[in-house]
Amino acid sequence: TAISNYGNDVIVLQSNATISSSQQVIILNSTDLDFRYNISLLESGLSSFLIASDLDVDQSNGGLFISHRDSPGTLKFYASDNMDGVILDQIYQKATKV
């Protein structure tokens, strides 16, 4: 679980090691905490279950970086449209072991 902000949004990562359907990012309005958007991190066809462990926001464009607890250290980047926080695209990267 992690929390961050971007503009007028509060961005919350909700993760659970045993309930895959609870892997999600919730975006709330920072003024009144009204629900704005939900991003499910549950993906079909994955060979292993990725547990989201941390979240960071690129303050220049609202993109989300989500790190996952797995052996290669998967990092996912979710690009934002920079206008209202709605997620448009997802780019995968693998962290290399040092």
C-alpha atoms as a PDB file:
ATOM      1  CA  THR A   1       0.000   0.000   0.000  1.00  0.00           C
ATOM      2  CA  ALA A   2       1.270   3.461  -0.904  1.00  0.00           C
ATOM      3  CA  ILE A   3      -0.090   6.974  -1.296  1.00  0.00           C
ATOM      4  CA  SER A   4       0.947   9.971  -3.386  1.00  0.00           C
ATOM      5  CA  ASN A   5      -0.545  13.037  -5.007  1.00  0.00           C
ATOM      6  CA  TYR A   6      -0.620  14.797  -8.371  1.00  0.00           C
ATOM      7  CA  GLY A   7      -2.343  18.123  -8.942  1.00  0.00           C
ATOM      8  CA  ASN A   8      -5.749  17.883  -7.286  1.00  0.00           C
ATOM      9  CA  ASP A   9      -5.611  14.089  -6.991  1.00  0.00           C
ATOM     10  CA  VAL A  10      -4.761  11.723  -4.155  1.00  0.00           C
ATOM     11  CA  ILE A  11      -3.440   8.461  -5.600  1.00  0.00           C
ATOM     12  CA  VAL A  12      -3.643   5.324  -3.453  1.00  0.00           C
ATOM     13  CA  LEU A  13      -2.095   1.936  -4.233  1.00  0.00           C
ATOM     14  CA  GLN A  14      -4.094  -0.883  -2.656  1.00  0.00           C
ATOM     15  CA  SER A  15      -2.375  -4.249  -2.706  1.00  0.00           C
ATOM     16  CA  ASN A  16      -2.884  -7.598  -1.036  1.00  0.00           C
ATOM     17  CA  ALA A  17      -0.658 -10.671  -1.250  1.00  0.00           C
ATOM     18  CA  THR A  18      -3.561 -13.137  -1.068  1.00  0.00           C
ATOM     19  CA  ILE A  19      -6.463 -11.433  -2.867  1.00  0.00           C
ATOM     20  CA  SER A  20      -5.483 -10.669  -6.459  1.00  0.00           C
ATOM     21  CA  SER A  21      -8.663  -8.708  -7.216  1.00  0.00           C
ATOM     22  CA  SER A  22      -7.681  -6.100  -4.616  1.00  0.00           C
ATOM     23  CA  GLN A  23      -4.595  -5.035  -6.618  1.00  0.00           C
ATOM     24  CA  GLN A  24      -5.658  -1.549  -7.707  1.00  0.00           C
ATOM     25  CA  VAL A  25      -4.901   2.135  -7.814  1.00  0.00           C
ATOM     26  CA  ILE A  26      -7.646   4.464  -6.651  1.00  0.00           C
ATOM     27  CA  ILE A  27      -7.644   8.155  -7.598  1.00  0.00           C
ATOM     28  CA  LEU A  28      -9.558  10.560  -5.357  1.00  0.00           C
ATOM     29  CA  ASN A  29     -10.199  14.294  -5.546  1.00  0.00           C
ATOM     30  CA  SER A  30      -7.934  15.900  -2.929  1.00  0.00           C
ATOM     31  CA  THR A  31     -10.488  18.576  -2.001  1.00  0.00           C
ATOM     32  CA  ASP A  32     -13.402  16.360  -0.951  1.00  0.00           C
ATOM     33  CA  LEU A  33     -11.965  12.814  -1.410  1.00  0.00           C
ATOM     34  CA  ASP A  34     -14.635  12.003  -4.000  1.00  0.00           C
ATOM     35  CA  PHE A  35     -13.838   8.942  -6.095  1.00  0.00           C
ATOM     36  CA  ARG A  36     -12.514   9.831  -9.575  1.00  0.00           C
ATOM     37  CA  TYR A  37     -10.995   6.731 -11.166  1.00  0.00           C
ATOM     38  CA  ASN A  38      -9.973   3.144 -10.486  1.00  0.00           C
ATOM     39  CA  ILE A  39      -7.160   1.221 -12.199  1.00  0.00           C
ATOM     40  CA  SER A  40      -7.224  -2.549 -11.754  1.00  0.00           C
ATOM     41  CA  LEU A  41      -3.774  -4.140 -11.654  1.00  0.00           C
ATOM     42  CA  LEU A  42      -5.218  -7.629 -12.144  1.00  0.00           C
ATOM     43  CA  GLU A  43      -4.162  -8.995 -15.533  1.00  0.00           C
ATOM     44  CA  SER A  44      -5.262 -12.180 -17.207  1.00  0.00           C
ATOM     45  CA  GLY A  45      -2.666 -14.508 -18.632  1.00  0.00           C
ATOM     46  CA  LEU A  46       0.131 -13.735 -16.178  1.00  0.00           C
ATOM     47  CA  SER A  47       2.223 -16.786 -15.349  1.00  0.00           C
ATOM     48  CA  SER A  48       2.974 -15.489 -11.864  1.00  0.00           C
ATOM     49  CA  PHE A  49       1.129 -13.204  -9.516  1.00  0.00           C
ATOM     50  CA  LEU A  50       2.744  -9.781  -9.250  1.00  0.00           C
ATOM     51  CA  ILE A  51       2.280  -8.016  -5.928  1.00  0.00           C
ATOM     52  CA  ALA A  52       2.316  -4.237  -6.278  1.00  0.00           C
ATOM     53  CA  SER A  53       4.553  -2.872  -3.538  1.00  0.00           C
ATOM     54  CA  ASP A  54       5.165   0.829  -4.165  1.00  0.00           C
ATOM     55  CA  LEU A  55       3.920   3.783  -6.173  1.00  0.00           C
ATOM     56  CA  ASP A  56       5.489   7.013  -7.368  1.00  0.00           C
ATOM     57  CA  VAL A  57       4.080   9.794  -9.525  1.00  0.00           C
ATOM     58  CA  ASP A  58       5.973  11.735 -12.187  1.00  0.00           C
ATOM     59  CA  GLN A  59       5.025  15.277 -11.160  1.00  0.00           C
ATOM     60  CA  SER A  60       5.774  16.618 -14.654  1.00  0.00           C
ATOM     61  CA  ASN A  61       3.072  14.585 -16.407  1.00  0.00           C
ATOM     62  CA  GLY A  62       1.087  12.503 -13.890  1.00  0.00           C
ATOM     63  CA  GLY A  63       2.509   9.164 -15.011  1.00  0.00           C
ATOM     64  CA  LEU A  64       2.486   6.391 -12.416  1.00  0.00           C
ATOM     65  CA  PHE A  65       5.437   4.146 -11.626  1.00  0.00           C
ATOM     66  CA  ILE A  66       4.408   0.966  -9.809  1.00  0.00           C
ATOM     67  CA  SER A  67       7.029  -1.478  -8.583  1.00  0.00           C
ATOM     68  CA  HIS A  68       6.181  -5.129  -8.031  1.00  0.00           C
ATOM     69  CA  ARG A  69       7.636  -7.761  -5.736  1.00  0.00           C
ATOM     70  CA  ASP A  70       8.956 -10.436  -8.055  1.00  0.00           C
ATOM     71  CA  SER A  71      12.364 -11.894  -8.906  1.00  0.00           C
ATOM     72  CA  PRO A  72      13.223  -9.626 -11.873  1.00  0.00           C
ATOM     73  CA  GLY A  73      11.880  -6.540 -10.054  1.00  0.00           C
ATOM     74  CA  THR A  74       9.123  -5.582 -12.478  1.00  0.00           C
ATOM     75  CA  LEU A  75       8.433  -1.868 -12.845  1.00  0.00           C
ATOM     76  CA  LYS A  76       5.299  -0.740 -14.660  1.00  0.00           C
ATOM     77  CA  PHE A  77       4.728   2.763 -15.941  1.00  0.00           C
ATOM     78  CA  TYR A  78       1.194   3.987 -16.560  1.00  0.00           C
ATOM     79  CA  ALA A  79       1.131   7.106 -18.739  1.00  0.00           C
ATOM     80  CA  SER A  80      -1.439   9.796 -18.039  1.00  0.00           C
ATOM     81  CA  ASP A  81      -3.134  12.201 -20.433  1.00  0.00           C
ATOM     82  CA  ASN A  82      -1.926  15.037 -18.130  1.00  0.00           C
ATOM     83  CA  MET A  83      -5.374  16.629 -18.076  1.00  0.00           C
ATOM     84  CA  ASP A  84      -7.574  14.697 -15.694  1.00  0.00           C
ATOM     85  CA  GLY A  85      -5.482  11.769 -14.492  1.00  0.00           C
ATOM     86  CA  VAL A  86      -7.118   9.143 -16.696  1.00  0.00           C
ATOM     87  CA  ILE A  87      -4.651   6.426 -17.594  1.00  0.00           C
ATOM     88  CA  LEU A  88      -4.029   5.917 -21.297  1.00  0.00           C
ATOM     89  CA  ASP A  89      -1.219   3.418 -21.704  1.00  0.00           C
ATOM     90  CA  GLN A  90       0.908   0.907 -19.831  1.00  0.00           C
ATOM     91  CA  ILE A  91       4.585   0.286 -20.556  1.00  0.00           C
ATOM     92  CA  TYR A  92       6.474  -2.664 -19.053  1.00  0.00           C
ATOM     93  CA  GLN A  93      10.089  -2.629 -17.937  1.00  0.00           C
ATOM     94  CA  LYS A  94      12.174  -5.160 -16.088  1.00  0.00           C
ATOM     95  CA  ALA A  95      14.744  -4.030 -13.549  1.00  0.00           C
ATOM     96  CA  THR A  96      18.125  -5.654 -13.941  1.00  0.00           C
ATOM     97  CA  LYS A  97      19.871  -7.301 -11.033  1.00  0.00           C
ATOM     98  CA  VAL A  98      22.990  -5.499  -9.853  1.00  0.00           C
END
